[in-house]
């Protein structure tokens, strides 16, 4: 974090404590990671409306539609941050989704 931006490094569902991970379902993983990001932003007293850029890494790009549907649930209206989505075949803990974001302070 600096005076202008907060950077949240890649979060995956496997990062959650035992019993809370939701591995194996792309939509559920996307929702869980975005919920964790929302909690971090709350702690920093930042709103998801201040998100400028999001990077989504999928273990299989064929899961894009399921990820995208869950991703769209997270934002209000049609205001979305810039997003890049790539395939990264080996994500931590057999996760299917990893999300990184940049937020304006």
C-alpha atoms as a PDB file:
ATOM      1  CA  UNK A   1       0.000   0.000   0.000  1.00  0.00           C
ATOM      2  CA  UNK A   2       1.212   3.533  -0.688  1.00  0.00           C
ATOM      3  CA  UNK A   3      -0.420   6.950  -0.381  1.00  0.00           C
ATOM      4  CA  UNK A   4      -2.534   6.397  -3.493  1.00  0.00           C
ATOM      5  CA  UNK A   5      -3.163   2.668  -3.929  1.00  0.00           C
ATOM      6  CA  UNK A   6      -3.660  -0.592  -2.087  1.00  0.00           C
ATOM      7  CA  UNK A   7      -2.464  -3.748  -3.828  1.00  0.00           C
ATOM      8  CA  UNK A   8      -3.996  -7.080  -2.859  1.00  0.00           C
ATOM      9  CA  UNK A   9      -1.819  -9.955  -3.984  1.00  0.00           C
ATOM     10  CA  UNK A  10      -3.288 -13.130  -5.398  1.00  0.00           C
ATOM     11  CA  UNK A  11      -5.852 -14.760  -3.146  1.00  0.00           C
ATOM     12  CA  UNK A  12      -7.081 -18.303  -3.679  1.00  0.00           C
ATOM     13  CA  UNK A  13      -9.692 -20.393  -1.896  1.00  0.00           C
ATOM     14  CA  UNK A  14      -6.927 -22.685  -0.598  1.00  0.00           C
ATOM     15  CA  UNK A  15      -5.685 -19.739   1.534  1.00  0.00           C
ATOM     16  CA  UNK A  16      -8.680 -20.068   3.845  1.00  0.00           C
ATOM     17  CA  UNK A  17      -8.501 -21.977   7.148  1.00  0.00           C
ATOM     18  CA  UNK A  18      -9.391 -25.669   7.129  1.00  0.00           C
ATOM     19  CA  UNK A  19     -13.110 -26.163   6.811  1.00  0.00           C
ATOM     20  CA  UNK A  20     -13.662 -22.854   5.029  1.00  0.00           C
ATOM     21  CA  UNK A  21     -12.071 -23.615   1.676  1.00  0.00           C
ATOM     22  CA  UNK A  22     -14.427 -24.222  -1.217  1.00  0.00           C
ATOM     23  CA  UNK A  23     -12.123 -25.954  -3.682  1.00  0.00           C
ATOM     24  CA  UNK A  24     -13.352 -27.553  -6.863  1.00  0.00           C
ATOM     25  CA  UNK A  25     -16.188 -25.270  -7.936  1.00  0.00           C
ATOM     26  CA  UNK A  26     -15.097 -22.224  -9.942  1.00  0.00           C
ATOM     27  CA  UNK A  27     -18.146 -20.113  -9.082  1.00  0.00           C
ATOM     28  CA  UNK A  28     -17.913 -20.946  -5.357  1.00  0.00           C
ATOM     29  CA  UNK A  29     -14.169 -20.230  -5.332  1.00  0.00           C
ATOM     30  CA  UNK A  30     -14.722 -16.906  -7.117  1.00  0.00           C
ATOM     31  CA  UNK A  31     -17.397 -15.861  -4.625  1.00  0.00           C
ATOM     32  CA  UNK A  32     -15.240 -16.904  -1.655  1.00  0.00           C
ATOM     33  CA  UNK A  33     -12.177 -15.027  -2.875  1.00  0.00           C
ATOM     34  CA  UNK A  34     -14.182 -11.891  -3.686  1.00  0.00           C
ATOM     35  CA  UNK A  35     -15.809 -12.055  -0.246  1.00  0.00           C
ATOM     36  CA  UNK A  36     -12.332 -12.240   1.323  1.00  0.00           C
ATOM     37  CA  UNK A  37     -11.232  -9.268  -0.787  1.00  0.00           C
ATOM     38  CA  UNK A  38     -14.309  -7.342   0.367  1.00  0.00           C
ATOM     39  CA  UNK A  39     -13.407  -8.087   4.005  1.00  0.00           C
ATOM     40  CA  UNK A  40      -9.841  -6.869   3.472  1.00  0.00           C
ATOM     41  CA  UNK A  41     -11.130  -3.694   1.828  1.00  0.00           C
ATOM     42  CA  UNK A  42     -13.474  -3.136   4.793  1.00  0.00           C
ATOM     43  CA  UNK A  43     -10.495  -3.426   7.162  1.00  0.00           C
ATOM     44  CA  UNK A  44      -8.657  -0.833   5.059  1.00  0.00           C
ATOM     45  CA  UNK A  45     -11.795   1.344   5.008  1.00  0.00           C
ATOM     46  CA  UNK A  46     -11.949   1.097   1.223  1.00  0.00           C
ATOM     47  CA  UNK A  47     -14.914   0.351  -0.999  1.00  0.00           C
ATOM     48  CA  UNK A  48     -14.989  -2.165  -3.831  1.00  0.00           C
ATOM     49  CA  UNK A  49     -16.160   0.784  -5.956  1.00  0.00           C
ATOM     50  CA  UNK A  50     -12.548   2.033  -5.705  1.00  0.00           C
ATOM     51  CA  UNK A  51     -11.152  -1.072  -7.391  1.00  0.00           C
ATOM     52  CA  UNK A  52      -9.278  -0.033 -10.511  1.00  0.00           C
ATOM     53  CA  UNK A  53      -7.850  -3.254 -11.853  1.00  0.00           C
ATOM     54  CA  UNK A  54      -8.449  -6.939 -11.235  1.00  0.00           C
ATOM     55  CA  UNK A  55      -6.404  -9.869 -12.495  1.00  0.00           C
ATOM     56  CA  UNK A  56      -8.111 -13.248 -12.524  1.00  0.00           C
ATOM     57  CA  UNK A  57      -6.066 -16.385 -13.067  1.00  0.00           C
ATOM     58  CA  UNK A  58      -8.005 -19.539 -13.925  1.00  0.00           C
ATOM     59  CA  UNK A  59      -6.529 -23.018 -13.905  1.00  0.00           C
ATOM     60  CA  UNK A  60      -8.674 -23.686 -16.994  1.00  0.00           C
ATOM     61  CA  UNK A  61      -9.849 -20.864 -19.242  1.00  0.00           C
ATOM     62  CA  UNK A  62     -12.864 -23.008 -20.187  1.00  0.00           C
ATOM     63  CA  UNK A  63     -14.208 -22.031 -16.723  1.00  0.00           C
ATOM     64  CA  UNK A  64     -14.424 -18.375 -17.765  1.00  0.00           C
ATOM     65  CA  UNK A  65     -18.236 -18.214 -18.012  1.00  0.00           C
ATOM     66  CA  UNK A  66     -18.787 -19.693 -14.525  1.00  0.00           C
ATOM     67  CA  UNK A  67     -16.169 -17.358 -13.026  1.00  0.00           C
ATOM     68  CA  UNK A  68     -17.592 -14.357 -14.884  1.00  0.00           C
ATOM     69  CA  UNK A  69     -21.148 -14.991 -13.672  1.00  0.00           C
ATOM     70  CA  UNK A  70     -19.979 -15.171 -10.035  1.00  0.00           C
ATOM     71  CA  UNK A  71     -17.689 -12.156 -10.547  1.00  0.00           C
ATOM     72  CA  UNK A  72     -20.592 -10.021 -11.841  1.00  0.00           C
ATOM     73  CA  UNK A  73     -22.584 -10.757  -8.659  1.00  0.00           C
ATOM     74  CA  UNK A  74     -19.913  -8.969  -6.644  1.00  0.00           C
ATOM     75  CA  UNK A  75     -20.281  -5.542  -8.281  1.00  0.00           C
ATOM     76  CA  UNK A  76     -23.231  -3.158  -8.217  1.00  0.00           C
ATOM     77  CA  UNK A  77     -24.724  -2.060 -11.516  1.00  0.00           C
ATOM     78  CA  UNK A  78     -22.553  -2.045 -14.599  1.00  0.00           C
ATOM     79  CA  UNK A  79     -19.464  -0.393 -13.099  1.00  0.00           C
ATOM     80  CA  UNK A  80     -16.627  -2.908 -13.261  1.00  0.00           C
ATOM     81  CA  UNK A  81     -12.909  -2.344 -12.831  1.00  0.00           C
ATOM     82  CA  UNK A  82     -10.584  -3.146 -15.710  1.00  0.00           C
ATOM     83  CA  UNK A  83      -9.966  -6.890 -15.722  1.00  0.00           C
ATOM     84  CA  UNK A  84      -7.479  -9.272 -17.245  1.00  0.00           C
ATOM     85  CA  UNK A  85      -8.226 -12.996 -17.196  1.00  0.00           C
ATOM     86  CA  UNK A  86      -5.538 -15.562 -17.972  1.00  0.00           C
ATOM     87  CA  UNK A  87      -5.007 -19.279 -17.712  1.00  0.00           C
ATOM     88  CA  UNK A  88      -2.499 -20.382 -15.070  1.00  0.00           C
ATOM     89  CA  UNK A  89      -2.503 -24.139 -14.905  1.00  0.00           C
ATOM     90  CA  UNK A  90      -0.887 -24.604 -11.483  1.00  0.00           C
ATOM     91  CA  UNK A  91      -2.507 -22.446  -8.807  1.00  0.00           C
ATOM     92  CA  UNK A  92      -1.747 -22.873  -5.105  1.00  0.00           C
ATOM     93  CA  UNK A  93      -3.522 -25.709  -3.303  1.00  0.00           C
ATOM     94  CA  UNK A  94      -5.293 -26.997  -6.430  1.00  0.00           C
ATOM     95  CA  UNK A  95      -7.363 -23.817  -6.567  1.00  0.00           C
ATOM     96  CA  UNK A  96      -9.158 -23.047  -9.795  1.00  0.00           C
ATOM     97  CA  UNK A  97      -9.249 -19.246  -9.316  1.00  0.00           C
ATOM     98  CA  UNK A  98      -6.723 -16.667  -8.099  1.00  0.00           C
ATOM     99  CA  UNK A  99      -7.580 -12.966  -7.894  1.00  0.00           C
ATOM    100  CA  UNK A 100      -5.306  -9.936  -7.493  1.00  0.00           C
ATOM    101  CA  UNK A 101      -6.497  -6.333  -7.435  1.00  0.00           C
ATOM    102  CA  UNK A 102      -5.432  -2.710  -7.262  1.00  0.00           C
ATOM    103  CA  UNK A 103      -7.603  -0.244  -5.325  1.00  0.00           C
ATOM    104  CA  UNK A 104      -7.450   3.556  -5.205  1.00  0.00           C
ATOM    105  CA  UNK A 105      -7.170   4.909  -1.639  1.00  0.00           C
END
